[in-house]
């Protein structure tokens, strides 16, 4: 049995962008997180202490976004994924996808998304 926690639509503010002008303004990033665990870690009772705490994951993403103003979505996504792997060592796999709605290129796409996956089976 497998056990996965999936969080979608985690909205954070960051000074993300390639140019200085782009990084000068905070912009919204939308983050999706998957944490895959062994089924034996599935909470046996209806109690938070036996489960992965969603609030801790959301806080880790928000703290990562409010820190450095990364130039690349790839840098931010990898930093978040590495933090989650460290914070949840029982995870078999962590996937982080980061979407930016305002993409300063022409013609203008609706959004840009970068996804990174880290895990024991990928090492």
N, C-alpha and C. Protein backbone atom coordinates (compact mmCIF):
# COMPACT_ATOMS: atom_id res chain seq x y z
N UNK A 1 0.84 -1.18 0.00
CA UNK A 1 0.00 0.00 0.00
C UNK A 1 0.88 1.24 0.00
N UNK A 2 0.49 2.22 -0.76
CA UNK A 2 1.19 3.50 -0.78
C UNK A 2 0.35 4.56 -0.10
N UNK A 3 0.97 5.63 0.26
CA UNK A 3 0.32 6.74 0.95
C UNK A 3 0.89 8.02 0.36
N UNK A 4 0.04 8.86 -0.20
CA UNK A 4 0.51 10.11 -0.80
C UNK A 4 -0.31 11.28 -0.29
N UNK A 5 0.37 12.34 0.01
CA UNK A 5 -0.27 13.61 0.36
C UNK A 5 -0.06 14.53 -0.83
N UNK A 6 -1.14 15.12 -1.32
CA UNK A 6 -1.06 16.04 -2.46
C UNK A 6 -1.70 17.37 -2.07
N UNK A 7 -0.93 18.43 -2.19
CA UNK A 7 -1.44 19.78 -1.94
C UNK A 7 -1.40 20.55 -3.26
N UNK A 8 -2.49 21.19 -3.61
CA UNK A 8 -2.59 21.96 -4.85
C UNK A 8 -2.97 23.40 -4.53
N UNK A 9 -2.50 24.30 -5.37
CA UNK A 9 -2.90 25.70 -5.25
C UNK A 9 -2.35 26.43 -4.05
N UNK A 10 -1.15 26.05 -3.61
CA UNK A 10 -0.51 26.78 -2.51
C UNK A 10 0.03 28.08 -3.10
N UNK A 11 -0.57 29.18 -2.72
CA UNK A 11 -0.23 30.49 -3.30
C UNK A 11 0.71 31.25 -2.36
N UNK A 12 1.88 31.60 -2.92
CA UNK A 12 2.89 32.32 -2.14
C UNK A 12 3.37 33.52 -2.96
N UNK A 13 3.96 34.47 -2.27
CA UNK A 13 4.50 35.67 -2.91
C UNK A 13 6.02 35.59 -2.91
N UNK A 14 6.62 35.97 -4.06
CA UNK A 14 8.07 35.92 -4.17
C UNK A 14 8.57 37.00 -5.13
N UNK A 15 9.80 37.37 -4.95
CA UNK A 15 10.47 38.30 -5.88
C UNK A 15 11.18 37.47 -6.93
N UNK A 16 10.44 36.76 -7.74
CA UNK A 16 10.95 35.83 -8.74
C UNK A 16 11.13 36.53 -10.07
N UNK A 17 12.21 36.24 -10.77
CA UNK A 17 12.35 36.76 -12.12
C UNK A 17 13.78 36.85 -12.58
N UNK A 18 13.95 36.87 -13.88
CA UNK A 18 15.29 36.93 -14.46
C UNK A 18 15.86 38.35 -14.36
N UNK A 19 15.05 39.34 -14.68
CA UNK A 19 15.55 40.72 -14.66
C UNK A 19 15.37 41.36 -13.28
N UNK A 20 16.15 42.40 -13.03
CA UNK A 20 16.01 43.15 -11.78
C UNK A 20 14.62 43.78 -11.69
N UNK A 21 14.11 44.29 -12.82
CA UNK A 21 12.78 44.92 -12.84
C UNK A 21 11.70 43.90 -12.48
N UNK A 22 11.84 42.69 -12.97
CA UNK A 22 10.85 41.64 -12.67
C UNK A 22 10.89 41.25 -11.20
N UNK A 23 12.10 41.18 -10.63
CA UNK A 23 12.26 40.81 -9.22
C UNK A 23 11.90 41.95 -8.27
N UNK A 24 11.79 43.17 -8.78
CA UNK A 24 11.49 44.33 -7.92
C UNK A 24 10.08 44.25 -7.34
N UNK A 25 9.19 43.56 -8.02
CA UNK A 25 7.81 43.46 -7.54
C UNK A 25 7.51 42.03 -7.10
N UNK A 26 6.80 41.92 -5.98
CA UNK A 26 6.38 40.60 -5.53
C UNK A 26 5.34 40.07 -6.51
N UNK A 27 5.43 38.79 -6.79
CA UNK A 27 4.44 38.16 -7.65
C UNK A 27 4.04 36.81 -7.10
N UNK A 28 2.86 36.40 -7.48
CA UNK A 28 2.31 35.16 -6.96
C UNK A 28 2.85 33.95 -7.72
N UNK A 29 3.23 32.95 -6.94
CA UNK A 29 3.58 31.64 -7.48
C UNK A 29 2.55 30.65 -6.93
N UNK A 30 2.15 29.71 -7.76
CA UNK A 30 1.21 28.68 -7.32
C UNK A 30 1.99 27.37 -7.31
N UNK A 31 1.99 26.72 -6.14
CA UNK A 31 2.82 25.54 -5.93
C UNK A 31 1.94 24.31 -5.69
N UNK A 32 2.35 23.20 -6.29
CA UNK A 32 1.71 21.91 -6.05
C UNK A 32 2.76 20.98 -5.46
N UNK A 33 2.39 20.24 -4.44
CA UNK A 33 3.33 19.36 -3.74
C UNK A 33 2.74 17.97 -3.63
N UNK A 34 3.56 16.96 -3.90
CA UNK A 34 3.21 15.56 -3.66
C UNK A 34 4.28 14.98 -2.75
N UNK A 35 3.87 14.38 -1.67
CA UNK A 35 4.79 13.67 -0.77
C UNK A 35 4.31 12.22 -0.75
N UNK A 36 5.13 11.31 -1.24
CA UNK A 36 4.77 9.90 -1.29
C UNK A 36 5.52 9.14 -0.19
N UNK A 37 4.75 8.36 0.58
CA UNK A 37 5.29 7.62 1.72
C UNK A 37 4.90 6.15 1.62
N UNK A 38 5.56 5.32 2.40
CA UNK A 38 5.18 3.91 2.51
C UNK A 38 3.80 3.82 3.15
N UNK A 39 3.04 2.83 2.76
CA UNK A 39 1.71 2.65 3.32
C UNK A 39 1.71 2.46 4.83
N UNK A 40 2.80 1.91 5.37
CA UNK A 40 2.89 1.70 6.80
C UNK A 40 2.87 3.01 7.60
N UNK A 41 3.09 4.12 6.92
CA UNK A 41 3.07 5.43 7.58
C UNK A 41 1.69 6.08 7.54
N UNK A 42 0.73 5.39 6.91
CA UNK A 42 -0.64 5.90 6.87
C UNK A 42 -1.14 6.02 8.31
N UNK A 43 -1.77 7.15 8.68
CA UNK A 43 -2.17 7.34 10.08
C UNK A 43 -3.21 6.29 10.50
N UNK A 44 -2.91 5.54 11.57
CA UNK A 44 -3.82 4.47 11.99
C UNK A 44 -5.08 4.98 12.67
N UNK A 45 -5.03 6.21 13.15
CA UNK A 45 -6.17 6.80 13.86
C UNK A 45 -6.44 8.19 13.30
N UNK A 46 -7.57 8.72 13.61
CA UNK A 46 -7.98 10.04 13.15
C UNK A 46 -7.35 11.12 14.03
N UNK A 47 -6.00 11.16 14.01
CA UNK A 47 -5.24 12.09 14.85
C UNK A 47 -4.09 12.68 14.05
N UNK A 48 -3.87 13.98 14.20
CA UNK A 48 -2.83 14.68 13.46
C UNK A 48 -1.43 14.13 13.75
N UNK A 49 -1.17 13.74 14.97
CA UNK A 49 0.20 13.31 15.31
C UNK A 49 0.64 12.08 14.52
N UNK A 50 -0.29 11.36 13.92
CA UNK A 50 0.08 10.19 13.12
C UNK A 50 0.14 10.47 11.63
N UNK A 51 -0.09 11.72 11.23
CA UNK A 51 -0.16 12.05 9.81
C UNK A 51 0.86 13.13 9.46
N UNK A 52 1.08 13.31 8.15
CA UNK A 52 1.90 14.42 7.68
C UNK A 52 1.08 15.70 7.88
N UNK A 53 1.69 16.69 8.49
CA UNK A 53 0.99 17.94 8.81
C UNK A 53 1.02 18.87 7.60
N UNK A 54 -0.15 19.09 6.99
CA UNK A 54 -0.26 19.97 5.81
C UNK A 54 0.27 21.36 6.11
N UNK A 55 -0.04 21.87 7.29
CA UNK A 55 0.35 23.24 7.64
C UNK A 55 1.87 23.39 7.64
N UNK A 56 2.59 22.37 8.06
CA UNK A 56 4.05 22.44 8.07
C UNK A 56 4.61 22.50 6.65
N UNK A 57 3.99 21.77 5.74
CA UNK A 57 4.44 21.79 4.34
C UNK A 57 4.17 23.15 3.73
N UNK A 58 2.97 23.68 3.94
CA UNK A 58 2.63 25.00 3.40
C UNK A 58 3.56 26.06 3.98
N UNK A 59 3.85 25.98 5.26
CA UNK A 59 4.76 26.94 5.90
C UNK A 59 6.16 26.85 5.28
N UNK A 60 6.64 25.64 5.01
CA UNK A 60 7.96 25.47 4.40
C UNK A 60 8.01 26.10 3.02
N UNK A 61 6.95 25.95 2.24
CA UNK A 61 6.89 26.56 0.91
C UNK A 61 6.88 28.08 1.03
N UNK A 62 6.06 28.61 1.93
CA UNK A 62 5.95 30.06 2.11
C UNK A 62 7.28 30.66 2.58
N UNK A 63 7.94 30.01 3.53
CA UNK A 63 9.23 30.51 4.01
C UNK A 63 10.26 30.49 2.89
N UNK A 64 10.23 29.48 2.05
CA UNK A 64 11.16 29.39 0.93
C UNK A 64 10.92 30.52 -0.07
N UNK A 65 9.66 30.86 -0.29
CA UNK A 65 9.31 31.92 -1.24
C UNK A 65 9.65 33.30 -0.72
N UNK A 66 9.50 33.51 0.57
CA UNK A 66 9.71 34.85 1.12
C UNK A 66 11.19 35.16 1.35
N UNK A 67 12.04 34.18 1.16
CA UNK A 67 13.47 34.39 1.35
C UNK A 67 14.11 35.04 0.15
N UNK A 68 14.93 34.30 -0.52
CA UNK A 68 15.70 34.81 -1.66
C UNK A 68 14.79 35.09 -2.85
N UNK A 69 15.17 36.06 -3.66
CA UNK A 69 14.48 36.32 -4.91
C UNK A 69 15.15 35.55 -6.03
N UNK A 70 14.72 34.33 -6.25
CA UNK A 70 15.35 33.48 -7.27
C UNK A 70 15.10 34.04 -8.67
N UNK A 71 16.03 33.79 -9.54
CA UNK A 71 15.87 34.18 -10.94
C UNK A 71 15.04 33.14 -11.69
N UNK A 72 15.22 31.88 -11.35
CA UNK A 72 14.59 30.80 -12.10
C UNK A 72 13.57 30.04 -11.27
N UNK A 73 12.47 29.66 -11.89
CA UNK A 73 11.51 28.77 -11.24
C UNK A 73 12.18 27.46 -10.85
N UNK A 74 13.11 27.01 -11.68
CA UNK A 74 13.83 25.76 -11.41
C UNK A 74 14.58 25.82 -10.08
N UNK A 75 15.21 26.95 -9.79
CA UNK A 75 15.96 27.11 -8.55
C UNK A 75 15.02 27.03 -7.35
N UNK A 76 13.90 27.72 -7.44
CA UNK A 76 12.94 27.72 -6.34
C UNK A 76 12.33 26.33 -6.14
N UNK A 77 11.91 25.68 -7.22
CA UNK A 77 11.29 24.36 -7.12
C UNK A 77 12.26 23.35 -6.49
N UNK A 78 13.51 23.38 -6.90
CA UNK A 78 14.50 22.44 -6.35
C UNK A 78 14.78 22.74 -4.88
N UNK A 79 14.84 24.02 -4.51
CA UNK A 79 15.09 24.38 -3.11
C UNK A 79 13.95 23.89 -2.22
N UNK A 80 12.70 24.07 -2.68
CA UNK A 80 11.55 23.59 -1.90
C UNK A 80 11.58 22.07 -1.80
N UNK A 81 11.83 21.38 -2.90
CA UNK A 81 11.86 19.91 -2.88
C UNK A 81 12.95 19.40 -1.94
N UNK A 82 14.12 20.00 -1.97
CA UNK A 82 15.21 19.58 -1.07
C UNK A 82 14.83 19.80 0.39
N UNK A 83 14.19 20.91 0.67
CA UNK A 83 13.76 21.17 2.06
C UNK A 83 12.75 20.13 2.51
N UNK A 84 11.79 19.79 1.66
CA UNK A 84 10.78 18.80 2.04
C UNK A 84 11.39 17.42 2.24
N UNK A 85 12.38 17.07 1.43
CA UNK A 85 13.06 15.77 1.60
C UNK A 85 13.78 15.73 2.95
N UNK A 86 14.40 16.85 3.34
CA UNK A 86 15.08 16.92 4.63
C UNK A 86 14.08 16.89 5.78
N UNK A 87 13.00 17.67 5.65
CA UNK A 87 12.01 17.76 6.73
C UNK A 87 11.19 16.48 6.89
N UNK A 88 11.01 15.71 5.81
CA UNK A 88 10.25 14.45 5.85
C UNK A 88 11.12 13.33 5.31
N UNK A 89 12.10 12.86 6.10
CA UNK A 89 13.02 11.83 5.62
C UNK A 89 12.34 10.50 5.32
N UNK A 90 11.14 10.28 5.83
CA UNK A 90 10.42 9.03 5.55
C UNK A 90 9.79 9.04 4.15
N UNK A 91 9.80 10.19 3.48
CA UNK A 91 9.20 10.28 2.15
C UNK A 91 10.01 9.47 1.14
N UNK A 92 9.31 8.68 0.34
CA UNK A 92 9.97 7.97 -0.75
C UNK A 92 10.22 8.90 -1.93
N UNK A 93 9.29 9.84 -2.13
CA UNK A 93 9.40 10.76 -3.25
C UNK A 93 8.70 12.06 -2.91
N UNK A 94 9.29 13.16 -3.35
CA UNK A 94 8.69 14.49 -3.21
C UNK A 94 8.68 15.12 -4.59
N UNK A 95 7.52 15.63 -4.98
CA UNK A 95 7.38 16.33 -6.25
C UNK A 95 6.89 17.74 -5.97
N UNK A 96 7.54 18.72 -6.59
CA UNK A 96 7.15 20.12 -6.44
C UNK A 96 7.00 20.72 -7.83
N UNK A 97 5.83 21.30 -8.09
CA UNK A 97 5.59 22.01 -9.34
C UNK A 97 5.29 23.47 -8.99
N UNK A 98 5.95 24.38 -9.68
CA UNK A 98 5.78 25.81 -9.42
C UNK A 98 5.30 26.48 -10.70
N UNK A 99 4.20 27.23 -10.58
CA UNK A 99 3.61 27.91 -11.72
C UNK A 99 3.64 29.41 -11.50
N UNK A 100 4.03 30.11 -12.54
CA UNK A 100 4.08 31.58 -12.54
C UNK A 100 3.12 32.05 -13.62
N UNK A 101 2.15 32.89 -13.24
CA UNK A 101 1.11 33.32 -14.17
C UNK A 101 1.56 34.42 -15.12
N UNK A 102 2.44 35.28 -14.66
CA UNK A 102 2.90 36.38 -15.50
C UNK A 102 4.27 36.02 -16.06
N UNK A 103 4.31 35.76 -17.34
CA UNK A 103 5.54 35.32 -18.00
C UNK A 103 5.94 36.41 -19.00
N UNK A 104 7.03 37.14 -18.70
CA UNK A 104 7.39 38.30 -19.53
C UNK A 104 8.13 37.93 -20.81
N UNK A 105 7.44 37.22 -21.70
CA UNK A 105 7.99 36.91 -23.02
C UNK A 105 6.89 37.19 -24.04
N UNK A 106 7.29 37.29 -25.28
CA UNK A 106 6.31 37.55 -26.33
C UNK A 106 6.47 36.52 -27.43
N UNK A 107 5.40 35.92 -27.90
CA UNK A 107 4.03 36.08 -27.44
C UNK A 107 3.87 35.54 -26.02
N UNK A 108 2.91 36.07 -25.30
CA UNK A 108 2.73 35.79 -23.89
C UNK A 108 1.95 34.49 -23.65
N UNK A 109 2.57 33.52 -22.96
CA UNK A 109 1.83 32.32 -22.59
C UNK A 109 0.95 32.58 -21.37
N UNK A 110 -0.02 31.71 -21.14
CA UNK A 110 -0.90 31.86 -19.97
C UNK A 110 -0.13 31.68 -18.67
N UNK A 111 0.85 30.79 -18.68
CA UNK A 111 1.62 30.52 -17.47
C UNK A 111 2.86 29.71 -17.82
N UNK A 112 3.78 29.64 -16.87
CA UNK A 112 4.97 28.79 -16.99
C UNK A 112 5.05 27.93 -15.74
N UNK A 113 5.31 26.64 -15.92
CA UNK A 113 5.40 25.71 -14.80
C UNK A 113 6.68 24.90 -14.90
N UNK A 114 7.33 24.74 -13.76
CA UNK A 114 8.51 23.87 -13.64
C UNK A 114 8.19 22.84 -12.58
N UNK A 115 8.57 21.60 -12.85
CA UNK A 115 8.32 20.51 -11.91
C UNK A 115 9.62 19.75 -11.65
N UNK A 116 9.86 19.44 -10.39
CA UNK A 116 11.05 18.66 -10.01
C UNK A 116 10.60 17.54 -9.07
N UNK A 117 11.26 16.38 -9.22
CA UNK A 117 10.95 15.23 -8.37
C UNK A 117 12.25 14.74 -7.73
N UNK A 118 12.23 14.56 -6.42
CA UNK A 118 13.36 13.99 -5.69
C UNK A 118 12.86 12.80 -4.92
N UNK A 119 13.70 11.79 -4.78
CA UNK A 119 13.29 10.66 -3.97
C UNK A 119 14.33 9.58 -3.90
N UNK A 120 14.11 8.65 -2.99
CA UNK A 120 15.05 7.57 -2.76
C UNK A 120 15.21 6.70 -3.99
N UNK A 121 14.10 6.41 -4.69
CA UNK A 121 14.18 5.55 -5.85
C UNK A 121 14.81 6.24 -7.05
N UNK A 122 14.98 7.58 -6.99
CA UNK A 122 15.57 8.32 -8.09
C UNK A 122 17.06 8.52 -7.90
N UNK A 123 17.56 8.19 -6.73
CA UNK A 123 18.98 8.43 -6.44
C UNK A 123 19.88 7.45 -7.16
